[in-house]
Amino acid sequence: MKTLFLLLAAATADPSTDFTPESVDLVDALTCHLEAPAYNGFAMALASGGPDAPDTKRGWRKLKTDNPYMIEYQLPAPITLAGHYTTSHIGFTASGVVGFLDQPDPSVIARAEGIANAMDPEPLIQSLLASGKVTREQVEKEITFHKFMGQKVVVDSQTPPAAGESFGMHTKITHEISNVSTAPGKTLYGCSYSVEPTDKDGKPL
């Protein structure tokens, strides 16, 4: 489990800032209102474990999950996301954090947020229907899980190398809405934070 958190915190917090894990607001993290260094510092604190880790100090309870790509927690009190959805169930991926909302159709929330489904099956369905070999009812019967995965870029910035340095940084923060088969009836709502080193031409190292 700690390995996943270490991946989550691949980029460290800026040592020049007055960062403390206690200063991070979870709702800010989920709604892309954190700077990437602050989020990564928070992720590193989670990875550290022990009595001073944020999950312990905040009373989060780790949950069992069938999703090997996520670490999930039960919060001691619910939070509000996407206007009026409340949840006390959150999860951390390798690059960000999500809240599990009681909405079986992610497009309901995504539409209001201006986020489209990159996994929309409709074009494929239309192609199959155009062949005349199947009906929509037959196609729909074969689709056991309607995958939703959409995102909106909030920050996409390139920091060139400082004087005397050999690398810069590419920061990308995306607001993401999705669903997973391991959490039926839920919409995953959150934010992904990516910081990667780049060469003097802005290319990934």
C-alpha atoms as a PDB file:
ATOM      1  CA  MET A   1       0.000   0.000   0.000  1.00  0.00           C
ATOM      2  CA  LYS A   2       2.806   2.423   0.798  1.00  0.00           C
ATOM      3  CA  THR A   3       4.227   1.849  -2.687  1.00  0.00           C
ATOM      4  CA  LEU A   4       1.092   3.337  -4.221  1.00  0.00           C
ATOM      5  CA  PHE A   5       1.333   6.388  -2.005  1.00  0.00           C
ATOM      6  CA  LEU A   6       4.987   6.838  -2.953  1.00  0.00           C
ATOM      7  CA  LEU A   7       3.965   6.830  -6.612  1.00  0.00           C
ATOM      8  CA  LEU A   8       1.315   9.359  -5.698  1.00  0.00           C
ATOM      9  CA  ALA A   9       4.009  11.598  -4.231  1.00  0.00           C
ATOM     10  CA  ALA A  10       6.587  11.251  -6.986  1.00  0.00           C
ATOM     11  CA  ALA A  11       7.112  15.013  -7.007  1.00  0.00           C
ATOM     12  CA  THR A  12       7.949  16.535  -3.643  1.00  0.00           C
ATOM     13  CA  ALA A  13       6.550  19.666  -2.096  1.00  0.00           C
ATOM     14  CA  ASP A  14       8.409  22.889  -2.703  1.00  0.00           C
ATOM     15  CA  PRO A  15      10.707  23.277   0.323  1.00  0.00           C
ATOM     16  CA  SER A  16      10.494  27.075   0.021  1.00  0.00           C
ATOM     17  CA  THR A  17       6.793  27.055   0.983  1.00  0.00           C
ATOM     18  CA  ASP A  18       5.409  26.904   4.509  1.00  0.00           C
ATOM     19  CA  PHE A  19       3.688  23.582   3.881  1.00  0.00           C
ATOM     20  CA  THR A  20       2.174  21.457   6.614  1.00  0.00           C
ATOM     21  CA  PRO A  21      -0.134  18.459   6.058  1.00  0.00           C
ATOM     22  CA  GLU A  22      -2.559  19.958   8.582  1.00  0.00           C
ATOM     23  CA  SER A  23      -3.020  22.989   6.334  1.00  0.00           C
ATOM     24  CA  VAL A  24      -4.406  20.957   3.429  1.00  0.00           C
ATOM     25  CA  ASP A  25      -8.182  21.054   3.032  1.00  0.00           C
ATOM     26  CA  LEU A  26      -9.504  17.770   1.611  1.00  0.00           C
ATOM     27  CA  VAL A  27     -12.291  19.473  -0.355  1.00  0.00           C
ATOM     28  CA  ASP A  28      -9.704  21.798  -1.925  1.00  0.00           C
ATOM     29  CA  ALA A  29      -7.712  18.736  -2.981  1.00  0.00           C
ATOM     30  CA  LEU A  30     -10.786  17.093  -4.487  1.00  0.00           C
ATOM     31  CA  THR A  31     -11.850  20.213  -6.380  1.00  0.00           C
ATOM     32  CA  CYS A  32      -8.430  21.115  -7.817  1.00  0.00           C
ATOM     33  CA  HIS A  33      -7.969  24.142  -5.602  1.00  0.00           C
ATOM     34  CA  LEU A  34      -4.530  23.098  -4.351  1.00  0.00           C
ATOM     35  CA  GLU A  35      -1.165  23.869  -5.853  1.00  0.00           C
ATOM     36  CA  ALA A  36       0.544  20.703  -7.081  1.00  0.00           C
ATOM     37  CA  PRO A  37       3.457  20.954  -4.580  1.00  0.00           C
ATOM     38  CA  ALA A  38       0.989  21.182  -1.683  1.00  0.00           C
ATOM     39  CA  TYR A  39      -0.899  18.123  -2.865  1.00  0.00           C
ATOM     40  CA  ASN A  40       2.295  16.152  -3.379  1.00  0.00           C
ATOM     41  CA  GLY A  41       3.507  17.112   0.086  1.00  0.00           C
ATOM     42  CA  PHE A  42       0.219  15.897   1.524  1.00  0.00           C
ATOM     43  CA  ALA A  43       0.586  12.629  -0.416  1.00  0.00           C
ATOM     44  CA  MET A  44       4.096  12.152   0.956  1.00  0.00           C
ATOM     45  CA  ALA A  45       2.802  12.678   4.482  1.00  0.00           C
ATOM     46  CA  LEU A  46       0.170   9.989   3.881  1.00  0.00           C
ATOM     47  CA  ALA A  47       2.879   7.649   2.611  1.00  0.00           C
ATOM     48  CA  SER A  48       4.899   8.118   5.773  1.00  0.00           C
ATOM     49  CA  GLY A  49       2.335   6.307   7.935  1.00  0.00           C
ATOM     50  CA  GLY A  50       2.498   6.338  11.701  1.00  0.00           C
ATOM     51  CA  PRO A  51       0.714   8.449  14.311  1.00  0.00           C
ATOM     52  CA  ASP A  52       1.600  11.744  12.623  1.00  0.00           C
ATOM     53  CA  ALA A  53       0.290  10.804   9.163  1.00  0.00           C
ATOM     54  CA  PRO A  54      -2.744  12.848   8.015  1.00  0.00           C
ATOM     55  CA  ASP A  55      -5.077   9.849   7.839  1.00  0.00           C
ATOM     56  CA  THR A  56      -4.316   8.906  11.443  1.00  0.00           C
ATOM     57  CA  LYS A  57      -4.539  12.447  12.799  1.00  0.00           C
ATOM     58  CA  ARG A  58      -7.799  13.112  10.945  1.00  0.00           C
ATOM     59  CA  GLY A  59      -9.460   9.886  12.034  1.00  0.00           C
ATOM     60  CA  TRP A  60      -9.764   8.319   8.592  1.00  0.00           C
ATOM     61  CA  ARG A  61     -10.501   4.589   8.525  1.00  0.00           C
ATOM     62  CA  LYS A  62      -8.880   2.558   5.757  1.00  0.00           C
ATOM     63  CA  LEU A  63     -11.360   0.419   3.818  1.00  0.00           C
ATOM     64  CA  LYS A  64     -10.975  -2.926   2.126  1.00  0.00           C
ATOM     65  CA  THR A  65     -11.320  -2.633  -1.644  1.00  0.00           C
ATOM     66  CA  ASP A  66     -11.298  -4.864  -4.703  1.00  0.00           C
ATOM     67  CA  ASN A  67      -9.612  -2.103  -6.678  1.00  0.00           C
ATOM     68  CA  PRO A  68      -5.820  -2.669  -6.617  1.00  0.00           C
ATOM     69  CA  TYR A  69      -5.196   0.821  -8.022  1.00  0.00           C
ATOM     70  CA  MET A  70      -6.834   2.734  -5.211  1.00  0.00           C
ATOM     71  CA  ILE A  71      -6.504   3.188  -1.450  1.00  0.00           C
ATOM     72  CA  GLU A  72      -9.876   4.011   0.078  1.00  0.00           C
ATOM     73  CA  TYR A  73     -10.903   5.652   3.340  1.00  0.00           C
ATOM     74  CA  GLN A  74     -14.025   6.285   5.388  1.00  0.00           C
ATOM     75  CA  LEU A  75     -14.101   9.828   6.762  1.00  0.00           C
ATOM     76  CA  PRO A  76     -15.346  10.552  10.291  1.00  0.00           C
ATOM     77  CA  ALA A  77     -17.779  13.139   8.872  1.00  0.00           C
ATOM     78  CA  PRO A  78     -19.222  13.692   5.383  1.00  0.00           C
ATOM     79  CA  ILE A  79     -18.034  16.358   2.975  1.00  0.00           C
ATOM     80  CA  THR A  80     -19.973  18.057   0.165  1.00  0.00           C
ATOM     81  CA  LEU A  81     -18.907  17.939  -3.490  1.00  0.00           C
ATOM     82  CA  ALA A  82     -20.404  18.905  -6.855  1.00  0.00           C
ATOM     83  CA  GLY A  83     -22.865  21.283  -5.279  1.00  0.00           C
ATOM     84  CA  HIS A  84     -25.004  19.074  -3.068  1.00  0.00           C
ATOM     85  CA  TYR A  85     -23.616  15.524  -3.059  1.00  0.00           C
ATOM     86  CA  THR A  86     -22.343  14.405   0.334  1.00  0.00           C
ATOM     87  CA  THR A  87     -19.911  11.554   0.918  1.00  0.00           C
ATOM     88  CA  SER A  88     -17.660  10.137   3.589  1.00  0.00           C
ATOM     89  CA  HIS A  89     -15.951   7.737   1.170  1.00  0.00           C
ATOM     90  CA  ILE A  90     -12.761   8.847  -0.616  1.00  0.00           C
ATOM     91  CA  GLY A  91      -9.987   7.138  -2.535  1.00  0.00           C
ATOM     92  CA  PHE A  92      -6.410   7.894  -3.568  1.00  0.00           C
ATOM     93  CA  THR A  93      -5.023   6.807  -6.925  1.00  0.00           C
ATOM     94  CA  ALA A  94      -1.415   6.980  -8.123  1.00  0.00           C
ATOM     95  CA  SER A  95      -1.912  10.612  -9.154  1.00  0.00           C
ATOM     96  CA  GLY A  96      -4.869  12.065  -7.301  1.00  0.00           C
ATOM     97  CA  VAL A  97      -7.872  11.804  -5.024  1.00  0.00           C
ATOM     98  CA  VAL A  98     -11.579  11.127  -5.620  1.00  0.00           C
ATOM     99  CA  GLY A  99     -14.802  11.155  -3.666  1.00  0.00           C
ATOM    100  CA  PHE A 100     -17.429   8.453  -4.190  1.00  0.00           C
ATOM    101  CA  LEU A 101     -20.773  10.133  -4.885  1.00  0.00           C
ATOM    102  CA  ASP A 102     -24.213   8.505  -4.816  1.00  0.00           C
ATOM    103  CA  GLN A 103     -24.980   9.007  -8.498  1.00  0.00           C
ATOM    104  CA  PRO A 104     -25.115   5.924 -10.766  1.00  0.00           C
ATOM    105  CA  ASP A 105     -24.875   7.995 -13.966  1.00  0.00           C
ATOM    106  CA  PRO A 106     -21.637  10.067 -14.023  1.00  0.00           C
ATOM    107  CA  SER A 107     -22.889  12.068 -17.002  1.00  0.00           C
ATOM    108  CA  VAL A 108     -25.411  13.818 -14.731  1.00  0.00           C
ATOM    109  CA  ILE A 109     -22.614  15.455 -12.735  1.00  0.00           C
ATOM    110  CA  ALA A 110     -20.205  15.695 -15.663  1.00  0.00           C
ATOM    111  CA  ARG A 111     -22.691  17.609 -17.803  1.00  0.00           C
ATOM    112  CA  ALA A 112     -23.003  20.325 -15.182  1.00  0.00           C
ATOM    113  CA  GLU A 113     -19.183  20.498 -14.930  1.00  0.00           C
ATOM    114  CA  GLY A 114     -18.670  20.698 -18.708  1.00  0.00           C
ATOM    115  CA  ILE A 115     -16.861  17.361 -18.881  1.00  0.00           C
ATOM    116  CA  ALA A 116     -17.388  14.908 -21.747  1.00  0.00           C
ATOM    117  CA  ASN A 117     -16.987  11.145 -21.668  1.00  0.00           C
ATOM    118  CA  ALA A 118     -13.808  10.094 -23.472  1.00  0.00           C
ATOM    119  CA  MET A 119     -15.097   6.506 -23.344  1.00  0.00           C
ATOM    120  CA  ASP A 120     -18.522   7.223 -24.854  1.00  0.00           C
ATOM    121  CA  PRO A 121     -19.701   3.957 -26.515  1.00  0.00           C
ATOM    122  CA  GLU A 122     -22.281   5.655 -28.749  1.00  0.00           C
ATOM    123  CA  PRO A 123     -20.021   6.073 -31.839  1.00  0.00           C
ATOM    124  CA  LEU A 124     -19.211   2.345 -31.728  1.00  0.00           C
ATOM    125  CA  ILE A 125     -22.864   1.479 -31.229  1.00  0.00           C
ATOM    126  CA  GLN A 126     -23.854   3.598 -34.226  1.00  0.00           C
ATOM    127  CA  SER A 127     -21.186   1.912 -36.336  1.00  0.00           C
ATOM    128  CA  LEU A 128     -22.509  -1.529 -35.401  1.00  0.00           C
ATOM    129  CA  LEU A 129     -26.083  -0.483 -36.091  1.00  0.00           C
ATOM    130  CA  ALA A 130     -25.080   0.891 -39.502  1.00  0.00           C
ATOM    131  CA  SER A 131     -23.882  -2.572 -40.487  1.00  0.00           C
ATOM    132  CA  GLY A 132     -27.462  -3.802 -40.218  1.00  0.00           C
ATOM    133  CA  LYS A 133     -26.323  -7.013 -38.550  1.00  0.00           C
ATOM    134  CA  VAL A 134     -27.427  -6.175 -35.003  1.00  0.00           C
ATOM    135  CA  THR A 135     -30.135  -4.205 -33.245  1.00  0.00           C
ATOM    136  CA  ARG A 136     -29.597  -1.654 -30.495  1.00  0.00           C
ATOM    137  CA  GLU A 137     -31.251  -4.031 -28.066  1.00  0.00           C
ATOM    138  CA  GLN A 138     -28.693  -6.723 -28.930  1.00  0.00           C
ATOM    139  CA  VAL A 139     -25.784  -4.323 -28.564  1.00  0.00           C
ATOM    140  CA  GLU A 140     -27.025  -2.895 -25.270  1.00  0.00           C
ATOM    141  CA  LYS A 141     -27.475  -6.408 -23.916  1.00  0.00           C
ATOM    142  CA  GLU A 142     -23.769  -7.099 -24.463  1.00  0.00           C
ATOM    143  CA  ILE A 143     -22.647  -3.929 -22.688  1.00  0.00           C
ATOM    144  CA  THR A 144     -22.581  -4.950 -19.031  1.00  0.00           C
ATOM    145  CA  PHE A 145     -20.789  -1.844 -17.764  1.00  0.00           C
ATOM    146  CA  HIS A 146     -21.053   1.664 -19.202  1.00  0.00           C
ATOM    147  CA  LYS A 147     -17.605   3.140 -18.597  1.00  0.00           C
ATOM    148  CA  PHE A 148     -17.306   6.873 -18.022  1.00  0.00           C
ATOM    149  CA  MET A 149     -13.968   8.646 -17.997  1.00  0.00           C
ATOM    150  CA  GLY A 150     -13.738  12.373 -18.513  1.00  0.00           C
ATOM    151  CA  GLN A 151     -11.511  15.235 -17.500  1.00  0.00           C
ATOM    152  CA  LYS A 152     -11.087  18.983 -17.732  1.00  0.00           C
ATOM    153  CA  VAL A 153      -7.647  20.594 -17.606  1.00  0.00           C
ATOM    154  CA  VAL A 154      -7.424  23.159 -14.818  1.00  0.00           C
ATOM    155  CA  VAL A 155      -3.669  23.885 -14.947  1.00  0.00           C
ATOM    156  CA  ASP A 156      -1.156  23.049 -17.671  1.00  0.00           C
ATOM    157  CA  SER A 157       2.077  24.961 -17.168  1.00  0.00           C
ATOM    158  CA  GLN A 158       5.744  24.613 -18.043  1.00  0.00           C
ATOM    159  CA  THR A 159       8.473  25.982 -15.784  1.00  0.00           C
ATOM    160  CA  PRO A 160      11.825  26.275 -17.572  1.00  0.00           C
ATOM    161  CA  PRO A 161      15.062  25.390 -15.797  1.00  0.00           C
ATOM    162  CA  ALA A 162      16.269  28.058 -13.399  1.00  0.00           C
ATOM    163  CA  ALA A 163      19.707  29.547 -13.864  1.00  0.00           C
ATOM    164  CA  GLY A 164      22.292  26.856 -13.250  1.00  0.00           C
ATOM    165  CA  GLU A 165      19.704  24.049 -13.248  1.00  0.00           C
ATOM    166  CA  SER A 166      19.482  21.264 -15.836  1.00  0.00           C
ATOM    167  CA  PHE A 167      15.765  20.552 -15.672  1.00  0.00           C
ATOM    168  CA  GLY A 168      12.419  22.312 -15.469  1.00  0.00           C
ATOM    169  CA  MET A 169       8.941  21.110 -14.484  1.00  0.00           C
ATOM    170  CA  HIS A 170       5.694  20.398 -16.293  1.00  0.00           C
ATOM    171  CA  THR A 171       2.643  20.736 -14.041  1.00  0.00           C
ATOM    172  CA  LYS A 172      -0.789  19.472 -15.027  1.00  0.00           C
ATOM    173  CA  ILE A 173      -3.874  19.483 -12.831  1.00  0.00           C
ATOM    174  CA  THR A 174      -7.094  17.922 -14.146  1.00  0.00           C
ATOM    175  CA  HIS A 175     -10.602  17.749 -12.749  1.00  0.00           C
ATOM    176  CA  GLU A 176     -11.795  14.181 -13.343  1.00  0.00           C
ATOM    177  CA  ILE A 177     -15.118  12.359 -13.291  1.00  0.00           C
ATOM    178  CA  SER A 178     -15.361   8.607 -13.814  1.00  0.00           C
ATOM    179  CA  ASN A 179     -16.802   5.338 -12.618  1.00  0.00           C
ATOM    180  CA  VAL A 180     -15.376   1.887 -11.849  1.00  0.00           C
ATOM    181  CA  SER A 181     -16.895  -1.571 -11.812  1.00  0.00           C
ATOM    182  CA  THR A 182     -15.666  -2.087  -8.235  1.00  0.00           C
ATOM    183  CA  ALA A 183     -17.968   0.719  -7.024  1.00  0.00           C
ATOM    184  CA  PRO A 184     -21.346   0.151  -8.715  1.00  0.00           C
ATOM    185  CA  GLY A 185     -23.831   2.998  -8.476  1.00  0.00           C
ATOM    186  CA  LYS A 186     -21.124   5.560  -7.674  1.00  0.00           C
ATOM    187  CA  THR A 187     -19.609   8.485  -9.525  1.00  0.00           C
ATOM    188  CA  LEU A 188     -15.932   9.167  -8.795  1.00  0.00           C
ATOM    189  CA  TYR A 189     -15.341  12.912  -8.534  1.00  0.00           C
ATOM    190  CA  GLY A 190     -11.927  14.403  -7.935  1.00  0.00           C
ATOM    191  CA  CYS A 191      -8.652  15.798  -9.118  1.00  0.00           C
ATOM    192  CA  SER A 192      -5.368  14.531 -10.530  1.00  0.00           C
ATOM    193  CA  TYR A 193      -2.037  16.281  -9.909  1.00  0.00           C
ATOM    194  CA  SER A 194       0.922  15.611 -12.192  1.00  0.00           C
ATOM    195  CA  VAL A 195       4.384  17.144 -11.882  1.00  0.00           C
ATOM    196  CA  GLU A 196       7.188  15.772 -14.033  1.00  0.00           C
ATOM    197  CA  PRO A 197      10.743  16.968 -14.699  1.00  0.00           C
ATOM    198  CA  THR A 198      11.568  18.198 -18.192  1.00  0.00           C
ATOM    199  CA  ASP A 199      14.724  19.058 -20.088  1.00  0.00           C
ATOM    200  CA  LYS A 200      15.657  22.548 -21.293  1.00  0.00           C
ATOM    201  CA  ASP A 201      13.369  22.073 -24.321  1.00  0.00           C
ATOM    202  CA  GLY A 202      10.390  21.127 -22.195  1.00  0.00           C
ATOM    203  CA  LYS A 203      10.508  17.434 -23.049  1.00  0.00           C
ATOM    204  CA  PRO A 204       9.961  14.805 -20.324  1.00  0.00           C
ATOM    205  CA  LEU A 205      13.142  13.375 -18.861  1.00  0.00           C
END
